[in-house]
Amino acid sequence: MLIVSILSVLIFSTILCIVEIPKMLKENLHRELWTFSILLGLGTVLAILKSLNVDIPNPSDFIAWVYSPLTNIVKNLLE
């Protein structure tokens, strides 16, 4: 079952590339092609990691960690 999920992600990504990349090349959309490639690669890697049951950290946890000193300062100011 694991191989099926990984193969389905790779097949979907490949079909998406076959459909979208020629259109972008035809219209000379090179910046969009780079953005598309980076985001598709990142999404493919994350989907494969998720199918392998790897713990992927939540981005909101990082944001909360960054702003936690600020919340403590504001809390102390309001008390």
N, C-alpha and C. Protein backbone atom coordinates (compact mmCIF):
# COMPACT_ATOMS: atom_id res chain seq x y z
N MET A 1 0.82 -1.19 0.00
CA MET A 1 0.00 0.00 0.00
C MET A 1 0.86 1.26 0.00
N LEU A 2 2.02 1.18 0.64
CA LEU A 2 2.92 2.31 0.72
C LEU A 2 3.44 2.69 -0.67
N ILE A 3 3.80 1.68 -1.44
CA ILE A 3 4.32 1.93 -2.78
C ILE A 3 3.25 2.53 -3.66
N VAL A 4 2.01 2.11 -3.49
CA VAL A 4 0.91 2.64 -4.29
C VAL A 4 0.71 4.12 -4.03
N SER A 5 0.77 4.53 -2.79
CA SER A 5 0.58 5.95 -2.48
C SER A 5 1.74 6.79 -3.01
N ILE A 6 2.96 6.29 -2.89
CA ILE A 6 4.11 7.03 -3.42
C ILE A 6 4.04 7.12 -4.94
N LEU A 7 3.70 6.01 -5.59
CA LEU A 7 3.59 6.01 -7.04
C LEU A 7 2.47 6.93 -7.52
N SER A 8 1.36 6.97 -6.79
CA SER A 8 0.26 7.84 -7.21
C SER A 8 0.66 9.31 -7.10
N VAL A 9 1.41 9.68 -6.08
CA VAL A 9 1.90 11.06 -5.95
C VAL A 9 2.84 11.38 -7.10
N LEU A 10 3.76 10.47 -7.40
CA LEU A 10 4.71 10.71 -8.49
C LEU A 10 4.03 10.76 -9.85
N ILE A 11 3.04 9.92 -10.07
CA ILE A 11 2.30 9.93 -11.34
C ILE A 11 1.52 11.23 -11.49
N PHE A 12 0.87 11.65 -10.42
CA PHE A 12 0.11 12.90 -10.47
C PHE A 12 1.05 14.08 -10.75
N SER A 13 2.20 14.12 -10.10
CA SER A 13 3.16 15.20 -10.31
C SER A 13 3.68 15.19 -11.75
N THR A 14 3.93 14.00 -12.27
CA THR A 14 4.42 13.88 -13.64
C THR A 14 3.37 14.36 -14.64
N ILE A 15 2.13 13.97 -14.44
CA ILE A 15 1.05 14.41 -15.34
C ILE A 15 0.90 15.93 -15.27
N LEU A 16 0.98 16.47 -14.09
CA LEU A 16 0.90 17.92 -13.92
C LEU A 16 2.03 18.62 -14.66
N CYS A 17 3.23 18.07 -14.60
CA CYS A 17 4.36 18.65 -15.33
C CYS A 17 4.15 18.56 -16.83
N ILE A 18 3.67 17.41 -17.31
CA ILE A 18 3.45 17.23 -18.75
C ILE A 18 2.42 18.21 -19.27
N VAL A 19 1.43 18.53 -18.47
CA VAL A 19 0.37 19.44 -18.91
C VAL A 19 0.81 20.90 -18.82
N GLU A 20 1.46 21.29 -17.73
CA GLU A 20 1.72 22.70 -17.47
C GLU A 20 3.02 23.25 -18.04
N ILE A 21 4.08 22.48 -18.01
CA ILE A 21 5.38 23.01 -18.43
C ILE A 21 5.41 23.44 -19.90
N PRO A 22 4.87 22.66 -20.84
CA PRO A 22 4.89 23.14 -22.23
C PRO A 22 4.15 24.47 -22.43
N LYS A 23 3.04 24.65 -21.71
CA LYS A 23 2.31 25.92 -21.80
C LYS A 23 3.18 27.08 -21.33
N MET A 24 3.88 26.89 -20.23
CA MET A 24 4.71 27.96 -19.68
C MET A 24 5.90 28.25 -20.60
N LEU A 25 6.48 27.22 -21.17
CA LEU A 25 7.60 27.43 -22.08
C LEU A 25 7.15 28.13 -23.35
N LYS A 26 5.97 27.79 -23.83
CA LYS A 26 5.44 28.40 -25.05
C LYS A 26 5.20 29.90 -24.86
N GLU A 27 4.76 30.28 -23.67
CA GLU A 27 4.45 31.68 -23.37
C GLU A 27 5.63 32.42 -22.73
N ASN A 28 6.80 31.78 -22.66
CA ASN A 28 8.00 32.37 -22.07
C ASN A 28 7.78 32.84 -20.63
N LEU A 29 7.12 32.04 -19.84
CA LEU A 29 6.88 32.36 -18.43
C LEU A 29 7.93 31.66 -17.57
N HIS A 30 9.15 32.17 -17.62
CA HIS A 30 10.24 31.49 -16.95
C HIS A 30 10.20 31.64 -15.43
N ARG A 31 9.81 32.80 -14.93
CA ARG A 31 9.69 32.97 -13.47
C ARG A 31 8.60 32.07 -12.91
N GLU A 32 7.48 32.01 -13.63
CA GLU A 32 6.39 31.16 -13.18
C GLU A 32 6.78 29.69 -13.24
N LEU A 33 7.60 29.34 -14.22
CA LEU A 33 8.08 27.96 -14.33
C LEU A 33 8.96 27.59 -13.15
N TRP A 34 9.85 28.51 -12.74
CA TRP A 34 10.68 28.26 -11.57
C TRP A 34 9.83 28.12 -10.31
N THR A 35 8.88 29.02 -10.15
CA THR A 35 8.01 28.96 -8.98
C THR A 35 7.20 27.67 -8.97
N PHE A 36 6.64 27.32 -10.13
CA PHE A 36 5.88 26.08 -10.26
C PHE A 36 6.74 24.88 -9.90
N SER A 37 7.97 24.85 -10.41
CA SER A 37 8.85 23.71 -10.16
C SER A 37 9.21 23.58 -8.69
N ILE A 38 9.53 24.71 -8.07
CA ILE A 38 9.90 24.68 -6.65
C ILE A 38 8.72 24.24 -5.78
N LEU A 39 7.54 24.82 -6.03
CA LEU A 39 6.37 24.47 -5.22
C LEU A 39 5.92 23.04 -5.47
N LEU A 40 5.97 22.60 -6.73
CA LEU A 40 5.58 21.22 -7.02
C LEU A 40 6.56 20.24 -6.40
N GLY A 41 7.85 20.55 -6.46
CA GLY A 41 8.85 19.69 -5.83
C GLY A 41 8.67 19.61 -4.33
N LEU A 42 8.44 20.75 -3.71
CA LEU A 42 8.21 20.78 -2.26
C LEU A 42 6.94 20.01 -1.88
N GLY A 43 5.89 20.22 -2.65
CA GLY A 43 4.64 19.51 -2.37
C GLY A 43 4.77 18.02 -2.57
N THR A 44 5.51 17.61 -3.60
CA THR A 44 5.72 16.19 -3.85
C THR A 44 6.51 15.54 -2.71
N VAL A 45 7.57 16.21 -2.28
CA VAL A 45 8.38 15.68 -1.18
C VAL A 45 7.55 15.58 0.09
N LEU A 46 6.78 16.61 0.39
CA LEU A 46 5.95 16.57 1.61
C LEU A 46 4.88 15.48 1.53
N ALA A 47 4.29 15.28 0.35
CA ALA A 47 3.29 14.23 0.21
C ALA A 47 3.91 12.84 0.37
N ILE A 48 5.10 12.65 -0.16
CA ILE A 48 5.77 11.36 0.00
C ILE A 48 6.15 11.14 1.46
N LEU A 49 6.67 12.18 2.12
CA LEU A 49 7.00 12.05 3.54
C LEU A 49 5.77 11.75 4.38
N LYS A 50 4.66 12.37 4.03
CA LYS A 50 3.41 12.12 4.77
C LYS A 50 2.95 10.68 4.57
N SER A 51 3.12 10.15 3.35
CA SER A 51 2.72 8.76 3.12
C SER A 51 3.65 7.78 3.82
N LEU A 52 4.87 8.20 4.13
CA LEU A 52 5.81 7.37 4.89
C LEU A 52 5.63 7.53 6.39
N ASN A 53 4.63 8.29 6.82
CA ASN A 53 4.31 8.54 8.23
C ASN A 53 5.44 9.25 8.97
N VAL A 54 6.11 10.15 8.28
CA VAL A 54 7.14 10.98 8.91
C VAL A 54 6.45 12.18 9.56
N ASP A 55 6.88 12.50 10.79
CA ASP A 55 6.29 13.66 11.47
C ASP A 55 6.78 14.94 10.80
N ILE A 56 5.85 15.70 10.27
CA ILE A 56 6.15 16.97 9.63
C ILE A 56 5.68 18.07 10.57
N PRO A 57 6.59 18.96 10.98
CA PRO A 57 6.18 19.99 11.93
C PRO A 57 5.18 20.97 11.31
N ASN A 58 4.32 21.48 12.16
CA ASN A 58 3.31 22.43 11.75
C ASN A 58 3.94 23.83 11.69
N PRO A 59 3.77 24.55 10.58
CA PRO A 59 4.36 25.89 10.49
C PRO A 59 3.85 26.86 11.56
N SER A 60 2.63 26.67 12.01
CA SER A 60 2.11 27.59 13.03
C SER A 60 2.82 27.41 14.37
N ASP A 61 3.38 26.24 14.64
CA ASP A 61 4.17 26.05 15.86
C ASP A 61 5.43 26.92 15.82
N PHE A 62 6.06 27.01 14.66
CA PHE A 62 7.24 27.86 14.51
C PHE A 62 6.88 29.33 14.70
N ILE A 63 5.76 29.74 14.13
CA ILE A 63 5.33 31.14 14.27
C ILE A 63 5.02 31.46 15.73
N ALA A 64 4.38 30.52 16.42
CA ALA A 64 4.09 30.72 17.84
C ALA A 64 5.38 30.80 18.65
N TRP A 65 6.38 30.01 18.29
CA TRP A 65 7.65 30.04 18.99
C TRP A 65 8.37 31.38 18.77
N VAL A 66 8.30 31.90 17.56
CA VAL A 66 8.95 33.17 17.25
C VAL A 66 8.30 34.31 18.03
N TYR A 67 6.98 34.31 18.09
CA TYR A 67 6.27 35.42 18.74
C TYR A 67 6.03 35.22 20.23
N SER A 68 6.44 34.11 20.79
CA SER A 68 6.20 33.88 22.22
C SER A 68 6.89 34.92 23.12
N PRO A 69 8.11 35.37 22.84
CA PRO A 69 8.68 36.44 23.69
C PRO A 69 7.85 37.73 23.63
N LEU A 70 7.33 38.04 22.48
CA LEU A 70 6.51 39.24 22.32
C LEU A 70 5.22 39.13 23.13
N THR A 71 4.62 37.96 23.14
CA THR A 71 3.38 37.79 23.92
C THR A 71 3.66 37.93 25.41
N ASN A 72 4.81 37.45 25.85
CA ASN A 72 5.15 37.60 27.27
C ASN A 72 5.36 39.06 27.63
N ILE A 73 5.98 39.82 26.74
CA ILE A 73 6.20 41.25 26.99
C ILE A 73 4.86 41.99 27.05
N VAL A 74 3.99 41.70 26.11
CA VAL A 74 2.68 42.35 26.08
C VAL A 74 1.87 41.96 27.31
N LYS A 75 1.94 40.70 27.70
CA LYS A 75 1.23 40.24 28.89
C LYS A 75 1.70 40.99 30.13
N ASN A 76 3.01 41.16 30.27
CA ASN A 76 3.56 41.88 31.42
C ASN A 76 3.18 43.36 31.40
N LEU A 77 3.10 43.95 30.22
CA LEU A 77 2.71 45.36 30.11
C LEU A 77 1.24 45.56 30.49
N LEU A 78 0.41 44.61 30.20
CA LEU A 78 -1.02 44.75 30.45
C LEU A 78 -1.41 44.40 31.88
N GLU A 79 -0.52 43.78 32.61
CA GLU A 79 -0.85 43.42 34.01
C GLU A 79 -0.64 44.56 34.96
